[in-house]
Amino acid sequence: MLSTQRTLRLPAAVLAVAASIAVVPSTAAATDSVSREVVKRINIQRIHHGLRPLVHDGRLDRAGRSQSSAMMARRSLSHGKPDGKARLTRLCRQMHARTIGETIGWIRYRSARKQAAAIVRWWMRSPPHRAALMSPTFSRIGVGRRTGKWGRARVVWFSADLSG
């Protein structure tokens, strides 16, 4: 009887450990601390204005990182060729979302600790960006960022992708 209990406990423990390992890389580890802080700061603004917080989504993080990488490679600030509609439409289908939105921006490089505060402050002072981030239509968010050069300046490109 004792050997049967041990046999049953071991697979359950192994499965629990394996499940926790499988979940961590796809969510927390894949998102850097600055991107998580951006989401936190946006949610503070939303809650302050009576809106529900956005749920952080790893798929949207990946989309945001991809968009930030593309902007860095092109050395431009744009939603894509010509207006990013095809990319956002594909993302909407992949997310099974009714709507998708995106805010983009860049800031001059500063310490990682100050990047989240700077981009959220910039977006909240811009009426179209603020409207997207504060829209009750959206329920999920992902943030991507890339650091590179724009001319001689070291800058950080940010993309916040939203779905609802």
N, C-alpha and C. Protein backbone atom coordinates (compact mmCIF):
# COMPACT_ATOMS: atom_id res chain seq x y z
N MET A 1 0.82 -1.19 0.00
CA MET A 1 0.00 0.00 0.00
C MET A 1 0.86 1.26 0.00
N LEU A 2 1.89 1.28 0.83
CA LEU A 2 2.79 2.42 0.91
C LEU A 2 3.48 2.69 -0.42
N SER A 3 3.91 1.67 -1.11
CA SER A 3 4.59 1.86 -2.39
C SER A 3 3.65 2.43 -3.44
N THR A 4 2.37 2.06 -3.41
CA THR A 4 1.39 2.60 -4.36
C THR A 4 1.17 4.10 -4.11
N GLN A 5 1.10 4.52 -2.84
CA GLN A 5 0.93 5.93 -2.52
C GLN A 5 2.13 6.74 -3.00
N ARG A 6 3.33 6.23 -2.77
CA ARG A 6 4.54 6.94 -3.24
C ARG A 6 4.54 7.06 -4.76
N THR A 7 4.15 5.99 -5.43
CA THR A 7 4.12 5.98 -6.88
C THR A 7 3.14 7.04 -7.40
N LEU A 8 2.00 7.17 -6.76
CA LEU A 8 1.02 8.17 -7.18
C LEU A 8 1.45 9.59 -6.84
N ARG A 9 2.11 9.78 -5.73
CA ARG A 9 2.54 11.12 -5.33
C ARG A 9 3.64 11.66 -6.23
N LEU A 10 4.58 10.82 -6.63
CA LEU A 10 5.70 11.27 -7.45
C LEU A 10 5.24 11.83 -8.78
N PRO A 11 4.38 11.13 -9.56
CA PRO A 11 3.94 11.72 -10.82
C PRO A 11 3.19 13.04 -10.62
N ALA A 12 2.38 13.12 -9.57
CA ALA A 12 1.65 14.37 -9.32
C ALA A 12 2.61 15.51 -9.03
N ALA A 13 3.65 15.25 -8.25
CA ALA A 13 4.64 16.29 -7.94
C ALA A 13 5.41 16.68 -9.19
N VAL A 14 5.78 15.70 -9.99
CA VAL A 14 6.52 15.98 -11.24
C VAL A 14 5.65 16.80 -12.18
N LEU A 15 4.37 16.45 -12.30
CA LEU A 15 3.46 17.21 -13.16
C LEU A 15 3.28 18.64 -12.67
N ALA A 16 3.18 18.83 -11.37
CA ALA A 16 3.02 20.18 -10.82
C ALA A 16 4.23 21.03 -11.13
N VAL A 17 5.43 20.47 -10.97
CA VAL A 17 6.66 21.21 -11.27
C VAL A 17 6.75 21.49 -12.76
N ALA A 18 6.46 20.49 -13.59
CA ALA A 18 6.51 20.67 -15.04
C ALA A 18 5.52 21.74 -15.50
N ALA A 19 4.33 21.75 -14.93
CA ALA A 19 3.32 22.75 -15.29
C ALA A 19 3.78 24.15 -14.93
N SER A 20 4.39 24.30 -13.77
CA SER A 20 4.83 25.64 -13.37
C SER A 20 5.98 26.11 -14.25
N ILE A 21 6.85 25.21 -14.67
CA ILE A 21 7.94 25.59 -15.57
C ILE A 21 7.39 25.98 -16.93
N ALA A 22 6.40 25.25 -17.41
CA ALA A 22 5.82 25.53 -18.73
C ALA A 22 5.10 26.86 -18.76
N VAL A 23 4.52 27.31 -17.66
CA VAL A 23 3.75 28.55 -17.64
C VAL A 23 4.64 29.77 -17.51
N VAL A 24 5.67 29.74 -16.71
CA VAL A 24 6.47 30.92 -16.41
C VAL A 24 7.11 31.56 -17.63
N PRO A 25 7.81 30.81 -18.51
CA PRO A 25 8.46 31.47 -19.63
C PRO A 25 7.51 32.18 -20.58
N SER A 26 6.30 31.68 -20.74
CA SER A 26 5.39 32.29 -21.71
C SER A 26 4.78 33.59 -21.20
N THR A 27 4.84 33.86 -19.91
CA THR A 27 4.23 35.07 -19.38
C THR A 27 5.26 35.98 -18.75
N ALA A 28 5.60 35.74 -17.51
CA ALA A 28 6.45 36.65 -16.76
C ALA A 28 7.85 36.80 -17.35
N ALA A 29 8.51 35.70 -17.67
CA ALA A 29 9.89 35.77 -18.13
C ALA A 29 10.00 36.43 -19.50
N ALA A 30 8.96 36.28 -20.35
CA ALA A 30 9.01 36.83 -21.69
C ALA A 30 8.84 38.35 -21.69
N THR A 31 8.27 38.89 -20.66
CA THR A 31 8.02 40.32 -20.56
C THR A 31 9.06 40.95 -19.64
N ASP A 32 9.71 41.99 -20.13
CA ASP A 32 10.71 42.62 -19.29
C ASP A 32 10.06 43.52 -18.24
N SER A 33 10.84 43.88 -17.24
CA SER A 33 10.31 44.64 -16.10
C SER A 33 9.80 46.02 -16.50
N VAL A 34 10.42 46.65 -17.50
CA VAL A 34 9.96 47.98 -17.92
C VAL A 34 8.58 47.86 -18.56
N SER A 35 8.38 46.86 -19.40
CA SER A 35 7.07 46.67 -20.03
C SER A 35 6.00 46.38 -18.99
N ARG A 36 6.32 45.58 -17.99
CA ARG A 36 5.35 45.31 -16.92
C ARG A 36 5.02 46.59 -16.16
N GLU A 37 6.03 47.43 -15.95
CA GLU A 37 5.80 48.70 -15.25
C GLU A 37 4.94 49.65 -16.09
N VAL A 38 5.09 49.63 -17.41
CA VAL A 38 4.24 50.44 -18.28
C VAL A 38 2.78 50.02 -18.09
N VAL A 39 2.52 48.71 -18.11
CA VAL A 39 1.16 48.21 -17.92
C VAL A 39 0.63 48.64 -16.56
N LYS A 40 1.44 48.52 -15.54
CA LYS A 40 1.03 48.91 -14.18
C LYS A 40 0.65 50.39 -14.14
N ARG A 41 1.46 51.24 -14.75
CA ARG A 41 1.19 52.69 -14.73
C ARG A 41 -0.07 53.05 -15.53
N ILE A 42 -0.27 52.36 -16.65
CA ILE A 42 -1.49 52.60 -17.43
C ILE A 42 -2.70 52.18 -16.61
N ASN A 43 -2.61 51.04 -15.95
CA ASN A 43 -3.73 50.57 -15.13
C ASN A 43 -4.02 51.48 -13.96
N ILE A 44 -3.02 52.09 -13.38
CA ILE A 44 -3.24 53.07 -12.31
C ILE A 44 -4.08 54.23 -12.84
N GLN A 45 -3.76 54.70 -14.04
CA GLN A 45 -4.53 55.79 -14.66
C GLN A 45 -5.97 55.34 -14.92
N ARG A 46 -6.13 54.14 -15.45
CA ARG A 46 -7.47 53.64 -15.76
C ARG A 46 -8.32 53.53 -14.49
N ILE A 47 -7.77 52.93 -13.45
CA ILE A 47 -8.51 52.76 -12.20
C ILE A 47 -8.88 54.12 -11.61
N HIS A 48 -7.93 55.07 -11.68
CA HIS A 48 -8.18 56.42 -11.17
C HIS A 48 -9.37 57.07 -11.88
N HIS A 49 -9.60 56.69 -13.13
CA HIS A 49 -10.71 57.26 -13.91
C HIS A 49 -11.92 56.33 -13.98
N GLY A 50 -11.98 55.36 -13.06
CA GLY A 50 -13.15 54.49 -12.97
C GLY A 50 -13.23 53.40 -14.01
N LEU A 51 -12.13 53.10 -14.67
CA LEU A 51 -12.12 52.05 -15.69
C LEU A 51 -11.50 50.77 -15.12
N ARG A 52 -11.88 49.65 -15.71
CA ARG A 52 -11.27 48.38 -15.31
C ARG A 52 -9.83 48.33 -15.78
N PRO A 53 -8.95 47.70 -14.99
CA PRO A 53 -7.56 47.54 -15.43
C PRO A 53 -7.49 46.60 -16.63
N LEU A 54 -6.48 46.79 -17.43
CA LEU A 54 -6.24 45.92 -18.57
C LEU A 54 -5.49 44.68 -18.10
N VAL A 55 -5.81 43.55 -18.70
CA VAL A 55 -5.12 42.29 -18.39
C VAL A 55 -3.88 42.21 -19.27
N HIS A 56 -2.76 41.94 -18.66
CA HIS A 56 -1.50 41.82 -19.39
C HIS A 56 -1.51 40.52 -20.17
N ASP A 57 -1.24 40.58 -21.48
CA ASP A 57 -1.33 39.42 -22.36
C ASP A 57 0.00 39.22 -23.11
N GLY A 58 0.57 38.04 -22.98
CA GLY A 58 1.85 37.73 -23.61
C GLY A 58 1.81 37.78 -25.12
N ARG A 59 0.68 37.41 -25.74
CA ARG A 59 0.57 37.48 -27.20
C ARG A 59 0.68 38.93 -27.67
N LEU A 60 0.06 39.84 -26.92
CA LEU A 60 0.14 41.25 -27.27
C LEU A 60 1.53 41.80 -26.98
N ASP A 61 2.21 41.28 -25.96
CA ASP A 61 3.61 41.66 -25.72
C ASP A 61 4.45 41.32 -26.94
N ARG A 62 4.28 40.10 -27.46
CA ARG A 62 5.06 39.68 -28.63
C ARG A 62 4.77 40.57 -29.83
N ALA A 63 3.50 40.91 -30.03
CA ALA A 63 3.13 41.80 -31.13
C ALA A 63 3.77 43.17 -30.94
N GLY A 64 3.77 43.66 -29.71
CA GLY A 64 4.38 44.97 -29.42
C GLY A 64 5.88 44.95 -29.63
N ARG A 65 6.54 43.87 -29.21
CA ARG A 65 7.99 43.77 -29.44
C ARG A 65 8.30 43.72 -30.93
N SER A 66 7.49 42.99 -31.68
CA SER A 66 7.68 42.90 -33.12
C SER A 66 7.52 44.27 -33.78
N GLN A 67 6.50 45.01 -33.38
CA GLN A 67 6.27 46.35 -33.93
C GLN A 67 7.40 47.30 -33.55
N SER A 68 7.84 47.25 -32.30
CA SER A 68 8.94 48.11 -31.87
C SER A 68 10.22 47.77 -32.63
N SER A 69 10.47 46.48 -32.87
CA SER A 69 11.64 46.07 -33.64
C SER A 69 11.56 46.58 -35.07
N ALA A 70 10.37 46.50 -35.67
CA ALA A 70 10.19 46.99 -37.04
C ALA A 70 10.42 48.49 -37.12
N MET A 71 9.91 49.24 -36.15
CA MET A 71 10.13 50.70 -36.16
C MET A 71 11.60 51.01 -35.99
N MET A 72 12.28 50.27 -35.11
CA MET A 72 13.70 50.50 -34.90
C MET A 72 14.48 50.20 -36.18
N ALA A 73 14.14 49.10 -36.85
CA ALA A 73 14.83 48.73 -38.10
C ALA A 73 14.61 49.77 -39.19
N ARG A 74 13.40 50.33 -39.27
CA ARG A 74 13.09 51.36 -40.28
C ARG A 74 13.53 52.75 -39.86
N ARG A 75 13.88 52.90 -38.57
CA ARG A 75 14.21 54.21 -37.99
C ARG A 75 13.07 55.19 -38.24
N SER A 76 11.86 54.70 -37.97
CA SER A 76 10.68 55.54 -38.15
C SER A 76 9.66 55.21 -37.07
N LEU A 77 8.75 56.11 -36.90
CA LEU A 77 7.67 55.93 -35.95
C LEU A 77 6.38 55.81 -36.75
N SER A 78 5.95 54.58 -37.01
CA SER A 78 4.74 54.36 -37.80
C SER A 78 4.14 53.01 -37.44
N HIS A 79 2.88 52.86 -37.79
CA HIS A 79 2.18 51.61 -37.50
C HIS A 79 2.48 50.53 -38.53
N GLY A 80 3.18 50.87 -39.58
CA GLY A 80 3.54 49.90 -40.60
C GLY A 80 3.20 50.39 -41.98
N LYS A 81 3.36 49.49 -42.96
CA LYS A 81 3.15 49.84 -44.35
C LYS A 81 1.72 49.54 -44.74
N PRO A 82 0.96 50.41 -45.38
CA PRO A 82 1.12 51.85 -45.30
C PRO A 82 0.63 52.39 -43.96
N ASP A 83 -0.37 51.73 -43.35
CA ASP A 83 -0.88 52.25 -42.07
C ASP A 83 -0.99 51.17 -41.00
N GLY A 84 -0.46 50.00 -41.27
CA GLY A 84 -0.47 48.92 -40.29
C GLY A 84 -1.79 48.17 -40.20
N LYS A 85 -2.74 48.49 -41.08
CA LYS A 85 -4.07 47.89 -40.98
C LYS A 85 -4.03 46.37 -41.17
N ALA A 86 -3.27 45.87 -42.13
CA ALA A 86 -3.22 44.43 -42.39
C ALA A 86 -2.63 43.69 -41.19
N ARG A 87 -1.58 44.22 -40.60
CA ARG A 87 -0.95 43.58 -39.44
C ARG A 87 -1.90 43.56 -38.25
N LEU A 88 -2.58 44.66 -38.00
CA LEU A 88 -3.51 44.73 -36.88
C LEU A 88 -4.74 43.86 -37.12
N THR A 89 -5.17 43.74 -38.37
CA THR A 89 -6.30 42.85 -38.70
C THR A 89 -5.92 41.40 -38.42
N ARG A 90 -4.70 41.00 -38.81
CA ARG A 90 -4.23 39.64 -38.52
C ARG A 90 -4.17 39.41 -37.01
N LEU A 91 -3.67 40.38 -36.28
CA LEU A 91 -3.58 40.27 -34.83
C LEU A 91 -4.98 40.13 -34.22
N CYS A 92 -5.94 40.86 -34.74
CA CYS A 92 -7.32 40.79 -34.25
C CYS A 92 -7.86 39.37 -34.42
N ARG A 93 -7.61 38.77 -35.60
CA ARG A 93 -8.06 37.40 -35.83
C ARG A 93 -7.37 36.42 -34.90
N GLN A 94 -6.05 36.57 -34.74
CA GLN A 94 -5.29 35.67 -33.87
C GLN A 94 -5.78 35.75 -32.43
N MET A 95 -6.14 36.92 -31.98
CA MET A 95 -6.57 37.13 -30.60
C MET A 95 -8.05 36.80 -30.41
N HIS A 96 -8.77 36.52 -31.52
CA HIS A 96 -10.22 36.32 -31.46
C HIS A 96 -10.87 37.53 -30.77
N ALA A 97 -10.38 38.72 -31.13
CA ALA A 97 -10.84 39.97 -30.52
C ALA A 97 -11.84 40.66 -31.43
N ARG A 98 -12.67 41.46 -30.84
CA ARG A 98 -13.60 42.29 -31.61
C ARG A 98 -12.90 43.53 -32.14
N THR A 99 -11.91 44.00 -31.39
CA THR A 99 -11.20 45.21 -31.78
C THR A 99 -9.76 45.16 -31.30
N ILE A 100 -8.91 45.83 -32.04
CA ILE A 100 -7.48 45.91 -31.73
C ILE A 100 -7.07 47.38 -31.84
N GLY A 101 -6.18 47.81 -30.98
CA GLY A 101 -5.65 49.16 -31.06
C GLY A 101 -4.16 49.14 -30.76
N GLU A 102 -3.53 50.24 -31.04
CA GLU A 102 -2.08 50.33 -30.80
C GLU A 102 -1.69 51.77 -30.53
N THR A 103 -0.82 51.93 -29.55
CA THR A 103 -0.17 53.22 -29.35
C THR A 103 1.31 52.98 -29.51
N ILE A 104 1.96 53.91 -30.18
CA ILE A 104 3.40 53.81 -30.38
C ILE A 104 4.05 55.11 -29.94
N GLY A 105 5.32 55.05 -29.69
CA GLY A 105 6.05 56.25 -29.32
C GLY A 105 7.51 55.93 -29.09
N TRP A 106 8.29 56.97 -29.00
CA TRP A 106 9.70 56.77 -28.65
C TRP A 106 10.11 57.87 -27.69
N ILE A 107 11.08 57.55 -26.88
CA ILE A 107 11.65 58.52 -25.95
C ILE A 107 13.16 58.42 -26.04
N ARG A 108 13.83 59.49 -25.66
CA ARG A 108 15.29 59.42 -25.55
C ARG A 108 15.63 58.42 -24.45
N TYR A 109 16.71 57.72 -24.66
CA TYR A 109 17.11 56.70 -23.70
C TYR A 109 17.35 57.31 -22.33
N ARG A 110 16.91 56.63 -21.32
CA ARG A 110 17.19 56.95 -19.92
C ARG A 110 17.25 55.63 -19.18
N SER A 111 17.52 55.66 -17.93
CA SER A 111 17.64 54.42 -17.17
C SER A 111 16.33 53.63 -17.27
N ALA A 112 16.44 52.32 -17.17
CA ALA A 112 15.26 51.46 -17.27
C ALA A 112 14.20 51.88 -16.26
N ARG A 113 14.63 52.28 -15.08
CA ARG A 113 13.70 52.69 -14.02
C ARG A 113 12.83 53.88 -14.45
N LYS A 114 13.36 54.75 -15.29
CA LYS A 114 12.62 55.96 -15.69
C LYS A 114 11.88 55.83 -17.02
N GLN A 115 12.14 54.76 -17.77
CA GLN A 115 11.52 54.63 -19.10
C GLN A 115 10.00 54.49 -19.03
N ALA A 116 9.50 53.66 -18.14
CA ALA A 116 8.05 53.44 -18.06
C ALA A 116 7.33 54.74 -17.71
N ALA A 117 7.85 55.46 -16.74
CA ALA A 117 7.22 56.73 -16.33
C ALA A 117 7.21 57.71 -17.50
N ALA A 118 8.30 57.76 -18.25
CA ALA A 118 8.42 58.73 -19.34
C ALA A 118 7.45 58.43 -20.48
N ILE A 119 7.35 57.16 -20.90
CA ILE A 119 6.47 56.87 -22.04
C ILE A 119 5.00 56.98 -21.64
N VAL A 120 4.65 56.55 -20.45
CA VAL A 120 3.24 56.66 -20.02
C VAL A 120 2.86 58.13 -19.88
N ARG A 121 3.76 58.94 -19.32
CA ARG A 121 3.50 60.38 -19.21
C ARG A 121 3.30 60.98 -20.60
N TRP A 122 4.15 60.61 -21.55
CA TRP A 122 4.06 61.12 -22.93
C TRP A 122 2.72 60.71 -23.55
N TRP A 123 2.35 59.42 -23.43
CA TRP A 123 1.09 58.96 -24.01
C TRP A 123 -0.10 59.64 -23.36
N MET A 124 -0.08 59.84 -22.06
CA MET A 124 -1.23 60.44 -21.37
C MET A 124 -1.38 61.93 -21.70
N ARG A 125 -0.32 62.57 -22.13
CA ARG A 125 -0.40 63.98 -22.52
C ARG A 125 -0.81 64.15 -23.99
N SER A 126 -0.86 63.05 -24.73
CA SER A 126 -1.24 63.09 -26.15
C SER A 126 -2.70 62.63 -26.26
N PRO A 127 -3.61 63.52 -26.66
CA PRO A 127 -5.04 63.15 -26.69
C PRO A 127 -5.36 61.86 -27.44
N PRO A 128 -4.83 61.60 -28.64
CA PRO A 128 -5.20 60.34 -29.31
C PRO A 128 -4.66 59.09 -28.59
N HIS A 129 -3.45 59.20 -28.04
CA HIS A 129 -2.87 58.05 -27.33
C HIS A 129 -3.64 57.80 -26.02
N ARG A 130 -3.93 58.89 -25.33
CA ARG A 130 -4.68 58.77 -24.08
C ARG A 130 -6.06 58.16 -24.34
N ALA A 131 -6.73 58.59 -25.41
CA ALA A 131 -8.05 58.06 -25.74
C ALA A 131 -8.00 56.55 -25.97
N ALA A 132 -6.98 56.08 -26.66
CA ALA A 132 -6.85 54.63 -26.91
C ALA A 132 -6.60 53.88 -25.61
N LEU A 133 -5.66 54.36 -24.82
CA LEU A 133 -5.29 53.67 -23.58
C LEU A 133 -6.41 53.70 -22.54
N MET A 134 -7.24 54.72 -22.59
CA MET A 134 -8.31 54.87 -21.60
C MET A 134 -9.66 54.37 -22.13
N SER A 135 -9.67 53.79 -23.32
CA SER A 135 -10.93 53.33 -23.90
C SER A 135 -11.47 52.11 -23.15
N PRO A 136 -12.75 52.14 -22.78
CA PRO A 136 -13.35 50.98 -22.12
C PRO A 136 -13.54 49.81 -23.08
N THR A 137 -13.34 50.04 -24.36
CA THR A 137 -13.46 48.99 -25.38
C THR A 137 -12.40 47.91 -25.18
N PHE A 138 -11.24 48.30 -24.68
CA PHE A 138 -10.13 47.36 -24.56
C PHE A 138 -10.10 46.69 -23.19
N SER A 139 -9.69 45.42 -23.20
CA SER A 139 -9.60 44.67 -21.95
C SER A 139 -8.22 44.04 -21.75
N ARG A 140 -7.40 43.98 -22.79
CA ARG A 140 -6.07 43.35 -22.71
C ARG A 140 -5.02 44.28 -23.29
N ILE A 141 -3.78 44.10 -22.81
CA ILE A 141 -2.67 44.93 -23.28
C ILE A 141 -1.38 44.13 -23.28
N GLY A 142 -0.53 44.49 -24.19
CA GLY A 142 0.84 43.98 -24.22
C GLY A 142 1.74 45.13 -24.63
N VAL A 143 2.93 45.17 -24.08
CA VAL A 143 3.86 46.27 -24.37
C VAL A 143 5.19 45.69 -24.83
N GLY A 144 5.68 46.24 -25.92
CA GLY A 144 7.01 45.86 -26.41
C GLY A 144 7.88 47.09 -26.51
N ARG A 145 9.17 46.88 -26.34
CA ARG A 145 10.10 48.01 -26.48
C ARG A 145 11.42 47.51 -27.05
N ARG A 146 12.10 48.41 -27.75
CA ARG A 146 13.41 48.13 -28.30
C ARG A 146 14.26 49.38 -28.17
N THR A 147 15.52 49.18 -27.88
CA THR A 147 16.46 50.28 -27.74
C THR A 147 17.39 50.30 -28.93
N GLY A 148 17.63 51.48 -29.47
CA GLY A 148 18.53 51.62 -30.61
C GLY A 148 18.90 53.07 -30.83
N LYS A 149 19.37 53.36 -32.02
CA LYS A 149 19.79 54.71 -32.39
C LYS A 149 18.81 55.34 -33.37
N TRP A 150 18.63 56.63 -33.21
CA TRP A 150 17.91 57.44 -34.20
C TRP A 150 18.84 58.62 -34.43
N GLY A 151 19.52 58.60 -35.55
CA GLY A 151 20.59 59.57 -35.76
C GLY A 151 21.69 59.29 -34.75
N ARG A 152 22.08 60.30 -34.02
CA ARG A 152 23.11 60.12 -32.98
C ARG A 152 22.52 59.80 -31.61
N ALA A 153 21.22 59.98 -31.50
CA ALA A 153 20.57 59.79 -30.20
C ALA A 153 20.25 58.32 -29.94
N ARG A 154 20.42 57.92 -28.71
CA ARG A 154 20.00 56.59 -28.28
C ARG A 154 18.55 56.73 -27.81
N VAL A 155 17.65 55.93 -28.40
CA VAL A 155 16.23 56.06 -28.11
C VAL A 155 15.63 54.68 -27.80
N VAL A 156 14.42 54.73 -27.25
CA VAL A 156 13.66 53.52 -26.95
C VAL A 156 12.32 53.63 -27.66
N TRP A 157 12.03 52.66 -28.54
CA TRP A 157 10.75 52.59 -29.23
C TRP A 157 9.81 51.75 -28.40
N PHE A 158 8.58 52.22 -28.22
CA PHE A 158 7.56 51.50 -27.45
C PHE A 158 6.34 51.26 -28.33
N SER A 159 5.71 50.12 -28.14
CA SER A 159 4.42 49.80 -28.76
C SER A 159 3.54 49.16 -27.70
N ALA A 160 2.36 49.70 -27.53
CA ALA A 160 1.37 49.08 -26.64
C ALA A 160 0.23 48.61 -27.53
N ASP A 161 0.05 47.30 -27.60
CA ASP A 161 -1.03 46.72 -28.39
C ASP A 161 -2.17 46.35 -27.44
N LEU A 162 -3.39 46.65 -27.88
CA LEU A 162 -4.59 46.48 -27.05
C LEU A 162 -5.61 45.63 -27.79
N SER A 163 -6.39 44.87 -27.05
CA SER A 163 -7.48 44.12 -27.68
C SER A 163 -8.71 44.18 -26.78
N GLY A 164 -9.85 44.00 -27.42
CA GLY A 164 -11.10 43.99 -26.68
C GLY A 164 -12.10 43.06 -27.30
